[in-house]
Amino acid sequence: MATPEWIITAEQFKSLKDAGKLNGITLVDVREPEEFEDSHIEGCKLIPLGEVTSRAEKELNKEDDIIIYCAHGVRSMHALVAMKNMGFRKLRSLEGGICALQEL
C-alpha cells in the first residue's frame, strides 16, 4: 500500500497549481502517447510506463521534486515504485490521475 507521503490528491495539486507553486516541480506523465495527445498537464514530460526504467535516470534529476501521473493513478504508482528502486526520493503520485483533476 502507498504511504501518504507518496500521494498528492487532485485537490492538493490544484491548490499548488492555482498558487503558482509548481515551479521547480517536475511533472511526469506515464500514459501512452495517444493519451497524452488527448490531454495532459501543461509543462509535463511524457515517459510512458514501459519506458520509465530505461529513460528516468537519463532524463530526470534524482534530486528533483517529481509528481507522476497517469489516467487514474495506477500506472503512476507502478512508476513511482520503479523510480524509488532506482534511487529517486522526492516522488508523489497524483491520486486518481488526470481524470480526478479534470473532475474538479
N, C-alpha and C. Protein backbone atom coordinates (compact mmCIF):
# COMPACT_ATOMS: atom_id res chain seq x y z
N MET A 1 0.83 -1.20 0.00
CA MET A 1 0.00 0.00 0.00
C MET A 1 0.87 1.26 0.00
N ALA A 2 0.40 2.28 -0.67
CA ALA A 2 1.16 3.53 -0.76
C ALA A 2 1.16 4.26 0.57
N THR A 3 2.29 4.84 0.88
CA THR A 3 2.36 5.65 2.09
C THR A 3 1.89 7.06 1.74
N PRO A 4 1.33 7.77 2.72
CA PRO A 4 0.75 9.10 2.45
C PRO A 4 1.72 10.08 1.77
N GLU A 5 3.00 10.02 2.11
CA GLU A 5 3.93 10.98 1.50
C GLU A 5 4.18 10.69 0.02
N TRP A 6 3.73 9.56 -0.46
CA TRP A 6 3.87 9.22 -1.88
C TRP A 6 2.69 9.70 -2.70
N ILE A 7 1.68 10.26 -2.05
CA ILE A 7 0.43 10.64 -2.72
C ILE A 7 0.24 12.16 -2.69
N ILE A 8 -0.27 12.69 -3.78
CA ILE A 8 -0.79 14.06 -3.78
C ILE A 8 -2.20 13.95 -4.36
N THR A 9 -3.16 14.54 -3.66
CA THR A 9 -4.54 14.47 -4.14
C THR A 9 -4.74 15.49 -5.25
N ALA A 10 -5.79 15.31 -6.02
CA ALA A 10 -6.12 16.25 -7.08
C ALA A 10 -6.34 17.64 -6.49
N GLU A 11 -6.97 17.71 -5.32
CA GLU A 11 -7.22 18.99 -4.66
C GLU A 11 -5.91 19.67 -4.27
N GLN A 12 -4.99 18.89 -3.70
CA GLN A 12 -3.69 19.45 -3.31
C GLN A 12 -2.93 19.95 -4.55
N PHE A 13 -2.96 19.15 -5.62
CA PHE A 13 -2.29 19.53 -6.85
C PHE A 13 -2.87 20.82 -7.41
N LYS A 14 -4.19 20.91 -7.46
CA LYS A 14 -4.86 22.10 -7.98
C LYS A 14 -4.49 23.33 -7.15
N SER A 15 -4.42 23.16 -5.84
CA SER A 15 -4.04 24.28 -4.96
C SER A 15 -2.62 24.77 -5.28
N LEU A 16 -1.69 23.82 -5.47
CA LEU A 16 -0.33 24.19 -5.83
C LEU A 16 -0.31 24.94 -7.16
N LYS A 17 -1.04 24.39 -8.13
CA LYS A 17 -1.09 24.98 -9.47
C LYS A 17 -1.69 26.38 -9.42
N ASP A 18 -2.83 26.51 -8.74
CA ASP A 18 -3.52 27.81 -8.64
C ASP A 18 -2.66 28.86 -7.93
N ALA A 19 -1.83 28.41 -6.99
CA ALA A 19 -0.98 29.33 -6.24
C ALA A 19 0.34 29.60 -6.96
N GLY A 20 0.51 28.98 -8.14
CA GLY A 20 1.75 29.18 -8.90
C GLY A 20 2.95 28.51 -8.28
N LYS A 21 2.71 27.43 -7.52
CA LYS A 21 3.80 26.77 -6.79
C LYS A 21 4.27 25.48 -7.45
N LEU A 22 4.02 25.32 -8.75
CA LEU A 22 4.52 24.14 -9.45
C LEU A 22 5.91 24.36 -10.03
N ASN A 23 6.40 25.60 -9.98
CA ASN A 23 7.76 25.88 -10.46
C ASN A 23 8.72 25.06 -9.61
N GLY A 24 9.66 24.42 -10.27
CA GLY A 24 10.62 23.60 -9.54
C GLY A 24 10.16 22.17 -9.33
N ILE A 25 8.91 21.89 -9.68
CA ILE A 25 8.40 20.52 -9.58
C ILE A 25 8.36 19.94 -10.99
N THR A 26 8.92 18.76 -11.16
CA THR A 26 8.89 18.09 -12.45
C THR A 26 7.64 17.23 -12.53
N LEU A 27 6.85 17.42 -13.58
CA LEU A 27 5.65 16.63 -13.80
C LEU A 27 5.95 15.57 -14.85
N VAL A 28 5.63 14.32 -14.53
CA VAL A 28 5.89 13.22 -15.45
C VAL A 28 4.58 12.48 -15.73
N ASP A 29 4.22 12.42 -17.01
CA ASP A 29 3.04 11.70 -17.48
C ASP A 29 3.51 10.33 -17.94
N VAL A 30 2.97 9.26 -17.34
CA VAL A 30 3.41 7.90 -17.70
C VAL A 30 2.38 7.17 -18.57
N ARG A 31 1.46 7.94 -19.17
CA ARG A 31 0.49 7.33 -20.08
C ARG A 31 1.13 7.12 -21.45
N GLU A 32 0.36 6.56 -22.35
CA GLU A 32 0.84 6.33 -23.72
C GLU A 32 0.71 7.61 -24.54
N PRO A 33 1.52 7.74 -25.62
CA PRO A 33 1.50 8.97 -26.43
C PRO A 33 0.11 9.37 -26.92
N GLU A 34 -0.74 8.40 -27.27
CA GLU A 34 -2.09 8.73 -27.75
C GLU A 34 -2.91 9.40 -26.66
N GLU A 35 -2.77 8.91 -25.43
CA GLU A 35 -3.49 9.52 -24.30
C GLU A 35 -2.97 10.93 -24.05
N PHE A 36 -1.66 11.08 -24.14
CA PHE A 36 -1.01 12.37 -23.93
C PHE A 36 -1.52 13.40 -24.93
N GLU A 37 -1.68 12.96 -26.19
CA GLU A 37 -2.17 13.87 -27.23
C GLU A 37 -3.58 14.36 -26.93
N ASP A 38 -4.40 13.50 -26.33
CA ASP A 38 -5.78 13.88 -25.99
C ASP A 38 -5.82 14.94 -24.90
N SER A 39 -5.00 14.77 -23.87
CA SER A 39 -4.96 15.73 -22.77
C SER A 39 -3.70 15.49 -21.94
N HIS A 40 -3.17 16.56 -21.41
CA HIS A 40 -2.03 16.45 -20.49
C HIS A 40 -1.91 17.75 -19.70
N ILE A 41 -1.13 17.69 -18.66
CA ILE A 41 -0.90 18.87 -17.83
C ILE A 41 0.24 19.68 -18.47
N GLU A 42 -0.01 20.95 -18.66
CA GLU A 42 0.96 21.84 -19.29
C GLU A 42 2.33 21.73 -18.61
N GLY A 43 3.37 21.59 -19.43
CA GLY A 43 4.73 21.58 -18.91
C GLY A 43 5.24 20.23 -18.44
N CYS A 44 4.45 19.19 -18.63
CA CYS A 44 4.88 17.87 -18.15
C CYS A 44 5.81 17.20 -19.16
N LYS A 45 6.46 16.15 -18.71
CA LYS A 45 7.34 15.34 -19.55
C LYS A 45 6.66 13.98 -19.74
N LEU A 46 6.59 13.51 -20.98
CA LEU A 46 5.99 12.21 -21.27
C LEU A 46 7.05 11.12 -21.23
N ILE A 47 6.88 10.18 -20.30
CA ILE A 47 7.71 8.98 -20.26
C ILE A 47 6.74 7.82 -19.99
N PRO A 48 6.28 7.15 -21.05
CA PRO A 48 5.33 6.05 -20.85
C PRO A 48 5.85 5.02 -19.84
N LEU A 49 4.94 4.43 -19.08
CA LEU A 49 5.31 3.50 -18.02
C LEU A 49 6.32 2.46 -18.49
N GLY A 50 6.13 1.89 -19.67
CA GLY A 50 7.03 0.86 -20.18
C GLY A 50 8.44 1.35 -20.45
N GLU A 51 8.64 2.68 -20.46
CA GLU A 51 9.95 3.25 -20.73
C GLU A 51 10.60 3.88 -19.51
N VAL A 52 9.91 3.86 -18.37
CA VAL A 52 10.40 4.53 -17.17
C VAL A 52 11.78 4.00 -16.76
N THR A 53 11.96 2.68 -16.71
CA THR A 53 13.23 2.15 -16.22
C THR A 53 14.39 2.45 -17.17
N SER A 54 14.11 2.61 -18.46
CA SER A 54 15.20 2.90 -19.39
C SER A 54 15.45 4.40 -19.57
N ARG A 55 14.50 5.24 -19.24
CA ARG A 55 14.65 6.69 -19.50
C ARG A 55 14.78 7.57 -18.27
N ALA A 56 14.21 7.18 -17.14
CA ALA A 56 14.13 8.08 -15.98
C ALA A 56 15.50 8.59 -15.53
N GLU A 57 16.46 7.71 -15.38
CA GLU A 57 17.78 8.15 -14.89
C GLU A 57 18.48 9.06 -15.88
N LYS A 58 18.20 8.90 -17.17
CA LYS A 58 18.84 9.73 -18.20
C LYS A 58 18.17 11.09 -18.33
N GLU A 59 16.86 11.14 -18.10
CA GLU A 59 16.11 12.35 -18.41
C GLU A 59 15.62 13.15 -17.20
N LEU A 60 15.72 12.56 -16.01
CA LEU A 60 15.23 13.24 -14.80
C LEU A 60 16.34 13.33 -13.77
N ASN A 61 16.24 14.34 -12.92
CA ASN A 61 17.22 14.53 -11.85
C ASN A 61 16.69 13.86 -10.58
N LYS A 62 17.49 12.99 -9.99
CA LYS A 62 17.07 12.26 -8.79
C LYS A 62 16.81 13.17 -7.60
N GLU A 63 17.34 14.38 -7.64
CA GLU A 63 17.16 15.33 -6.53
C GLU A 63 15.90 16.18 -6.68
N ASP A 64 15.28 16.16 -7.85
CA ASP A 64 14.09 16.99 -8.10
C ASP A 64 12.86 16.46 -7.38
N ASP A 65 11.96 17.38 -7.11
CA ASP A 65 10.63 17.03 -6.59
C ASP A 65 9.80 16.64 -7.82
N ILE A 66 9.32 15.40 -7.85
CA ILE A 66 8.65 14.89 -9.04
C ILE A 66 7.23 14.42 -8.70
N ILE A 67 6.28 14.85 -9.52
CA ILE A 67 4.90 14.37 -9.41
C ILE A 67 4.63 13.56 -10.67
N ILE A 68 4.22 12.32 -10.47
CA ILE A 68 3.95 11.40 -11.58
C ILE A 68 2.44 11.24 -11.69
N TYR A 69 1.94 11.21 -12.93
CA TYR A 69 0.51 10.98 -13.09
C TYR A 69 0.23 10.12 -14.31
N CYS A 70 -0.96 9.53 -14.30
CA CYS A 70 -1.46 8.74 -15.44
C CYS A 70 -2.95 9.06 -15.55
N ALA A 71 -3.75 8.12 -16.04
CA ALA A 71 -5.18 8.39 -16.18
C ALA A 71 -5.91 8.32 -14.85
N HIS A 72 -5.66 7.25 -14.08
CA HIS A 72 -6.41 7.03 -12.84
C HIS A 72 -5.55 6.80 -11.60
N GLY A 73 -4.24 6.81 -11.73
CA GLY A 73 -3.36 6.68 -10.57
C GLY A 73 -2.72 5.32 -10.38
N VAL A 74 -3.03 4.35 -11.23
CA VAL A 74 -2.46 3.01 -11.08
C VAL A 74 -1.06 2.93 -11.70
N ARG A 75 -0.94 3.33 -12.95
CA ARG A 75 0.37 3.30 -13.62
C ARG A 75 1.36 4.22 -12.94
N SER A 76 0.89 5.36 -12.44
CA SER A 76 1.81 6.29 -11.79
C SER A 76 2.39 5.69 -10.51
N MET A 77 1.61 4.88 -9.80
CA MET A 77 2.15 4.21 -8.60
C MET A 77 3.18 3.16 -9.00
N HIS A 78 2.95 2.44 -10.10
CA HIS A 78 3.95 1.48 -10.58
C HIS A 78 5.25 2.21 -10.94
N ALA A 79 5.11 3.35 -11.62
CA ALA A 79 6.28 4.15 -11.99
C ALA A 79 7.00 4.66 -10.74
N LEU A 80 6.24 5.10 -9.75
CA LEU A 80 6.81 5.61 -8.51
C LEU A 80 7.65 4.54 -7.84
N VAL A 81 7.12 3.34 -7.72
CA VAL A 81 7.86 2.24 -7.07
C VAL A 81 9.13 1.93 -7.86
N ALA A 82 9.02 1.87 -9.17
CA ALA A 82 10.20 1.60 -10.01
C ALA A 82 11.26 2.68 -9.82
N MET A 83 10.81 3.94 -9.78
CA MET A 83 11.76 5.05 -9.63
C MET A 83 12.35 5.10 -8.22
N LYS A 84 11.58 4.75 -7.20
CA LYS A 84 12.12 4.65 -5.84
C LYS A 84 13.26 3.64 -5.83
N ASN A 85 13.04 2.50 -6.51
CA ASN A 85 14.06 1.46 -6.58
C ASN A 85 15.30 1.91 -7.35
N MET A 86 15.16 2.95 -8.17
CA MET A 86 16.28 3.49 -8.94
C MET A 86 17.00 4.60 -8.17
N GLY A 87 16.51 4.94 -7.00
CA GLY A 87 17.17 5.95 -6.18
C GLY A 87 16.52 7.32 -6.15
N PHE A 88 15.39 7.48 -6.83
CA PHE A 88 14.65 8.75 -6.74
C PHE A 88 13.97 8.79 -5.37
N ARG A 89 13.95 9.95 -4.74
CA ARG A 89 13.39 10.03 -3.38
C ARG A 89 12.20 10.97 -3.23
N LYS A 90 12.16 12.06 -3.99
CA LYS A 90 11.09 13.05 -3.81
C LYS A 90 10.01 12.82 -4.86
N LEU A 91 9.26 11.75 -4.67
CA LEU A 91 8.25 11.36 -5.64
C LEU A 91 6.87 11.36 -5.03
N ARG A 92 5.89 11.79 -5.82
CA ARG A 92 4.49 11.67 -5.43
C ARG A 92 3.69 11.26 -6.65
N SER A 93 2.64 10.49 -6.40
CA SER A 93 1.74 10.06 -7.46
C SER A 93 0.44 10.83 -7.30
N LEU A 94 -0.10 11.33 -8.42
CA LEU A 94 -1.36 12.05 -8.41
C LEU A 94 -2.50 11.05 -8.22
N GLU A 95 -3.10 11.09 -7.03
CA GLU A 95 -4.18 10.17 -6.70
C GLU A 95 -5.38 10.38 -7.64
N GLY A 96 -5.82 9.31 -8.27
CA GLY A 96 -6.94 9.42 -9.20
C GLY A 96 -6.54 9.89 -10.59
N GLY A 97 -5.27 10.24 -10.75
CA GLY A 97 -4.73 10.64 -12.05
C GLY A 97 -5.34 11.90 -12.62
N ILE A 98 -5.10 12.08 -13.90
CA ILE A 98 -5.59 13.28 -14.60
C ILE A 98 -7.12 13.31 -14.61
N CYS A 99 -7.75 12.14 -14.55
CA CYS A 99 -9.22 12.10 -14.52
C CYS A 99 -9.76 12.78 -13.27
N ALA A 100 -9.13 12.53 -12.12
CA ALA A 100 -9.56 13.18 -10.88
C ALA A 100 -9.38 14.69 -10.97
N LEU A 101 -8.31 15.12 -11.60
CA LEU A 101 -8.03 16.54 -11.76
C LEU A 101 -9.08 17.19 -12.66
N GLN A 102 -9.46 16.50 -13.72
CA GLN A 102 -10.44 17.05 -14.66
C GLN A 102 -11.84 17.12 -14.05
N GLU A 103 -12.08 16.34 -13.00
CA GLU A 103 -13.40 16.34 -12.35
C GLU A 103 -13.58 17.51 -11.39
N LEU A 104 -12.48 18.17 -11.05
CA LEU A 104 -12.57 19.29 -10.07
C LEU A 104 -13.22 20.52 -10.70
